[in-house]
N, C-alpha and C. Protein backbone atom coordinates (compact mmCIF):
# COMPACT_ATOMS: atom_id res chain seq x y z
N MET A 1 52.78 -19.08 -5.71
CA MET A 1 51.44 -18.74 -6.11
C MET A 1 51.49 -17.49 -6.98
N VAL A 2 50.79 -17.52 -8.08
CA VAL A 2 50.73 -16.40 -8.99
C VAL A 2 49.53 -15.54 -8.61
N GLU A 3 49.75 -14.23 -8.50
CA GLU A 3 48.64 -13.34 -8.16
C GLU A 3 47.95 -12.90 -9.43
N LEU A 4 46.62 -13.08 -9.46
CA LEU A 4 45.83 -12.72 -10.63
C LEU A 4 44.96 -11.52 -10.32
N THR A 5 44.72 -10.69 -11.32
CA THR A 5 43.76 -9.62 -11.18
C THR A 5 42.40 -10.21 -11.50
N VAL A 6 41.51 -10.19 -10.53
CA VAL A 6 40.21 -10.83 -10.69
C VAL A 6 39.22 -9.81 -11.24
N LEU A 7 38.61 -10.14 -12.40
CA LEU A 7 37.61 -9.26 -12.98
C LEU A 7 36.29 -9.36 -12.22
N HIS A 8 35.97 -10.54 -11.78
CA HIS A 8 34.79 -10.76 -10.94
C HIS A 8 35.01 -12.02 -10.12
N SER A 9 34.30 -12.10 -9.02
CA SER A 9 34.45 -13.28 -8.15
C SER A 9 33.59 -14.41 -8.67
N PRO A 10 34.06 -15.64 -8.52
CA PRO A 10 33.27 -16.79 -8.94
C PRO A 10 32.02 -16.93 -8.07
N THR A 11 30.97 -17.46 -8.65
CA THR A 11 29.75 -17.72 -7.90
C THR A 11 29.91 -19.04 -7.14
N LEU A 12 29.08 -19.23 -6.14
CA LEU A 12 29.08 -20.49 -5.40
C LEU A 12 28.78 -21.65 -6.33
N GLU A 13 27.86 -21.44 -7.27
CA GLU A 13 27.52 -22.47 -8.24
C GLU A 13 28.75 -22.90 -9.05
N SER A 14 29.57 -21.92 -9.43
CA SER A 14 30.79 -22.22 -10.20
C SER A 14 31.79 -23.01 -9.36
N VAL A 15 31.96 -22.61 -8.10
CA VAL A 15 32.90 -23.30 -7.22
C VAL A 15 32.45 -24.75 -7.02
N LEU A 16 31.16 -24.95 -6.78
CA LEU A 16 30.65 -26.31 -6.58
C LEU A 16 30.79 -27.16 -7.84
N MET A 17 30.59 -26.54 -9.00
CA MET A 17 30.74 -27.27 -10.27
C MET A 17 32.18 -27.74 -10.45
N VAL A 18 33.13 -26.87 -10.14
CA VAL A 18 34.55 -27.24 -10.26
C VAL A 18 34.91 -28.31 -9.24
N GLU A 19 34.40 -28.18 -8.01
CA GLU A 19 34.66 -29.21 -7.00
C GLU A 19 34.18 -30.58 -7.47
N LYS A 20 32.96 -30.65 -8.00
CA LYS A 20 32.42 -31.93 -8.49
C LYS A 20 33.29 -32.50 -9.60
N ALA A 21 33.71 -31.65 -10.52
CA ALA A 21 34.55 -32.11 -11.63
C ALA A 21 35.88 -32.64 -11.12
N ILE A 22 36.47 -31.95 -10.15
CA ILE A 22 37.75 -32.41 -9.60
C ILE A 22 37.56 -33.76 -8.90
N GLN A 23 36.48 -33.90 -8.13
CA GLN A 23 36.23 -35.18 -7.46
C GLN A 23 36.07 -36.30 -8.49
N LYS A 24 35.40 -36.02 -9.59
CA LYS A 24 35.17 -37.03 -10.62
C LYS A 24 36.45 -37.39 -11.37
N TYR A 25 37.26 -36.39 -11.68
CA TYR A 25 38.45 -36.61 -12.50
C TYR A 25 39.76 -36.49 -11.71
N SER A 26 39.70 -36.61 -10.39
CA SER A 26 40.89 -36.48 -9.56
C SER A 26 41.98 -37.42 -10.04
N GLN A 27 43.17 -36.91 -10.17
CA GLN A 27 44.37 -37.63 -10.58
C GLN A 27 44.34 -38.05 -12.05
N GLU A 28 43.37 -37.60 -12.82
CA GLU A 28 43.28 -38.00 -14.22
C GLU A 28 43.78 -36.95 -15.19
N CYS A 29 43.68 -35.68 -14.80
CA CYS A 29 44.02 -34.65 -15.78
C CYS A 29 44.53 -33.38 -15.11
N GLY A 30 45.12 -32.55 -15.95
CA GLY A 30 45.64 -31.27 -15.49
C GLY A 30 44.58 -30.17 -15.59
N LYS A 31 45.03 -28.94 -15.34
CA LYS A 31 44.12 -27.81 -15.29
C LYS A 31 43.32 -27.62 -16.59
N TYR A 32 44.03 -27.52 -17.70
CA TYR A 32 43.36 -27.22 -18.96
C TYR A 32 42.38 -28.33 -19.35
N GLN A 33 42.81 -29.58 -19.18
CA GLN A 33 41.94 -30.70 -19.52
C GLN A 33 40.70 -30.72 -18.63
N LEU A 34 40.87 -30.42 -17.34
CA LEU A 34 39.73 -30.37 -16.44
C LEU A 34 38.79 -29.24 -16.83
N TRP A 35 39.34 -28.09 -17.15
CA TRP A 35 38.53 -26.93 -17.56
C TRP A 35 37.67 -27.28 -18.77
N LYS A 36 38.24 -28.03 -19.71
CA LYS A 36 37.49 -28.44 -20.90
C LYS A 36 36.38 -29.44 -20.57
N LYS A 37 36.50 -30.18 -19.47
CA LYS A 37 35.51 -31.19 -19.10
C LYS A 37 34.36 -30.63 -18.25
N LEU A 38 34.43 -29.35 -17.88
CA LEU A 38 33.36 -28.77 -17.07
C LEU A 38 32.05 -28.81 -17.84
N PRO A 39 30.93 -29.07 -17.14
CA PRO A 39 29.64 -29.17 -17.83
C PRO A 39 29.14 -27.84 -18.39
N LYS A 40 29.59 -26.73 -17.82
CA LYS A 40 29.22 -25.40 -18.31
C LYS A 40 30.49 -24.61 -18.60
N ARG A 41 30.40 -23.72 -19.57
CA ARG A 41 31.57 -22.90 -19.90
C ARG A 41 31.82 -21.87 -18.81
N MET A 42 33.08 -21.55 -18.63
CA MET A 42 33.49 -20.53 -17.66
C MET A 42 34.80 -19.95 -18.14
N MET A 43 35.04 -18.70 -17.81
CA MET A 43 36.31 -18.08 -18.19
C MET A 43 37.45 -18.83 -17.51
N TYR A 44 38.57 -19.01 -18.23
CA TYR A 44 39.70 -19.74 -17.66
C TYR A 44 40.23 -19.00 -16.44
N GLN A 45 40.19 -17.67 -16.46
CA GLN A 45 40.67 -16.88 -15.32
C GLN A 45 39.83 -17.18 -14.07
N THR A 46 38.52 -17.30 -14.23
CA THR A 46 37.64 -17.63 -13.12
C THR A 46 37.97 -19.03 -12.59
N PHE A 47 38.21 -19.96 -13.50
CA PHE A 47 38.60 -21.32 -13.15
C PHE A 47 39.89 -21.31 -12.32
N GLN A 48 40.86 -20.50 -12.74
CA GLN A 48 42.13 -20.38 -12.02
C GLN A 48 41.91 -19.86 -10.60
N VAL A 49 41.03 -18.86 -10.45
CA VAL A 49 40.73 -18.30 -9.13
C VAL A 49 40.14 -19.38 -8.23
N ILE A 50 39.24 -20.18 -8.77
CA ILE A 50 38.63 -21.26 -8.00
C ILE A 50 39.68 -22.29 -7.58
N LEU A 51 40.57 -22.66 -8.51
CA LEU A 51 41.63 -23.61 -8.16
C LEU A 51 42.54 -23.06 -7.07
N ASP A 52 42.87 -21.77 -7.16
CA ASP A 52 43.70 -21.15 -6.11
C ASP A 52 43.01 -21.22 -4.76
N TYR A 53 41.71 -20.92 -4.74
CA TYR A 53 40.94 -21.00 -3.49
C TYR A 53 40.93 -22.42 -2.94
N LEU A 54 40.66 -23.41 -3.80
CA LEU A 54 40.59 -24.80 -3.35
C LEU A 54 41.94 -25.29 -2.85
N GLU A 55 43.01 -24.85 -3.48
CA GLU A 55 44.35 -25.25 -3.05
C GLU A 55 44.69 -24.60 -1.71
N GLN A 56 44.39 -23.32 -1.56
CA GLN A 56 44.68 -22.62 -0.30
C GLN A 56 43.84 -23.15 0.86
N SER A 57 42.64 -23.63 0.57
CA SER A 57 41.78 -24.15 1.63
C SER A 57 42.05 -25.62 1.93
N GLY A 58 43.00 -26.22 1.21
CA GLY A 58 43.39 -27.60 1.50
C GLY A 58 42.49 -28.66 0.90
N LYS A 59 41.66 -28.30 -0.04
CA LYS A 59 40.76 -29.28 -0.66
C LYS A 59 41.42 -29.99 -1.83
N ILE A 60 42.41 -29.36 -2.46
CA ILE A 60 43.11 -29.99 -3.57
C ILE A 60 44.61 -29.79 -3.44
N ILE A 61 45.33 -30.62 -4.18
CA ILE A 61 46.78 -30.48 -4.35
C ILE A 61 47.03 -30.55 -5.85
N ILE A 62 47.92 -29.72 -6.33
CA ILE A 62 48.33 -29.79 -7.73
C ILE A 62 49.78 -30.27 -7.73
N ASP A 63 50.01 -31.47 -8.28
CA ASP A 63 51.35 -32.06 -8.21
C ASP A 63 52.30 -31.43 -9.24
N LYS A 64 53.53 -31.91 -9.26
CA LYS A 64 54.57 -31.36 -10.14
C LYS A 64 54.21 -31.42 -11.61
N GLU A 65 53.47 -32.45 -12.00
CA GLU A 65 53.08 -32.60 -13.40
C GLU A 65 51.83 -31.79 -13.74
N GLY A 66 51.24 -31.13 -12.73
CA GLY A 66 50.05 -30.33 -12.96
C GLY A 66 48.75 -31.08 -12.77
N CYS A 67 48.84 -32.33 -12.31
CA CYS A 67 47.66 -33.14 -12.06
C CYS A 67 46.95 -32.65 -10.80
N ILE A 68 45.63 -32.52 -10.87
CA ILE A 68 44.85 -32.02 -9.74
C ILE A 68 44.31 -33.20 -8.95
N ILE A 69 44.56 -33.17 -7.64
CA ILE A 69 44.17 -34.27 -6.76
C ILE A 69 43.25 -33.75 -5.67
N TRP A 70 42.06 -34.35 -5.55
CA TRP A 70 41.10 -33.99 -4.51
C TRP A 70 41.56 -34.60 -3.19
N THR A 71 41.73 -33.79 -2.15
CA THR A 71 42.26 -34.29 -0.87
C THR A 71 41.27 -34.17 0.28
N PHE A 72 40.20 -33.44 0.10
CA PHE A 72 39.25 -33.19 1.19
C PHE A 72 38.41 -34.43 1.43
N ASN A 73 38.37 -34.89 2.68
CA ASN A 73 37.64 -36.10 3.05
C ASN A 73 36.56 -35.76 4.07
N GLN A 74 35.38 -35.41 3.58
CA GLN A 74 34.30 -34.98 4.44
C GLN A 74 33.83 -36.07 5.41
N GLU A 75 33.82 -37.31 4.97
CA GLU A 75 33.38 -38.41 5.84
C GLU A 75 34.33 -38.58 7.03
N ARG A 76 35.61 -38.44 6.80
CA ARG A 76 36.58 -38.56 7.90
C ARG A 76 36.39 -37.43 8.90
N ILE A 77 36.14 -36.23 8.42
CA ILE A 77 35.92 -35.09 9.31
C ILE A 77 34.67 -35.31 10.15
N LYS A 78 33.59 -35.79 9.52
CA LYS A 78 32.36 -36.07 10.27
C LYS A 78 32.62 -37.10 11.36
N ARG A 79 33.39 -38.14 11.02
CA ARG A 79 33.70 -39.19 12.00
C ARG A 79 34.50 -38.63 13.16
N LEU A 80 35.50 -37.78 12.88
CA LEU A 80 36.31 -37.20 13.93
C LEU A 80 35.48 -36.30 14.85
N VAL A 81 34.57 -35.54 14.27
CA VAL A 81 33.69 -34.68 15.08
C VAL A 81 32.78 -35.53 15.94
N LYS A 82 32.25 -36.60 15.36
CA LYS A 82 31.37 -37.51 16.11
C LYS A 82 32.12 -38.15 17.28
N GLU A 83 33.41 -38.41 17.09
CA GLU A 83 34.22 -39.01 18.15
C GLU A 83 34.75 -37.98 19.13
N SER A 84 34.17 -36.78 19.08
CA SER A 84 34.53 -35.69 20.00
C SER A 84 35.98 -35.26 19.84
N LEU A 85 36.37 -35.02 18.64
CA LEU A 85 37.71 -34.51 18.37
C LEU A 85 37.90 -33.19 19.11
N MET A 86 39.00 -33.07 19.81
CA MET A 86 39.28 -31.84 20.53
C MET A 86 40.22 -30.99 19.68
N VAL A 87 39.77 -29.77 19.40
CA VAL A 87 40.56 -28.85 18.58
C VAL A 87 41.03 -27.71 19.46
N ARG A 88 42.31 -27.39 19.34
CA ARG A 88 42.85 -26.28 20.13
C ARG A 88 42.81 -25.01 19.35
C-alpha cells in the first residue's frame, strides 16, 4: 500500500459516487478508466484515497492487472444476520 498525503478527506457523497461507479463497471476497467467514467469530476488523489479505503474495508479488490472488482455483498450479509449469524 502506498501512503498518500491527503490534502482533504473525501465527502460521503464522493465515496458513494465511487462505490456506485465500481458496482456498475466492476471487472471492466482499471483505476484511471473508472475515474474518467465518474459522473462528477474529482481530484485523482481523492479518488485514490477512496479506493484505498474501499480496499482496506473489504469492499473491493484490485487484481494484478489493475482491474477493480466489487466484492461487498450486502444481500448475503442481511441474510446471514436474519439467520442469526453468531459473531465472536
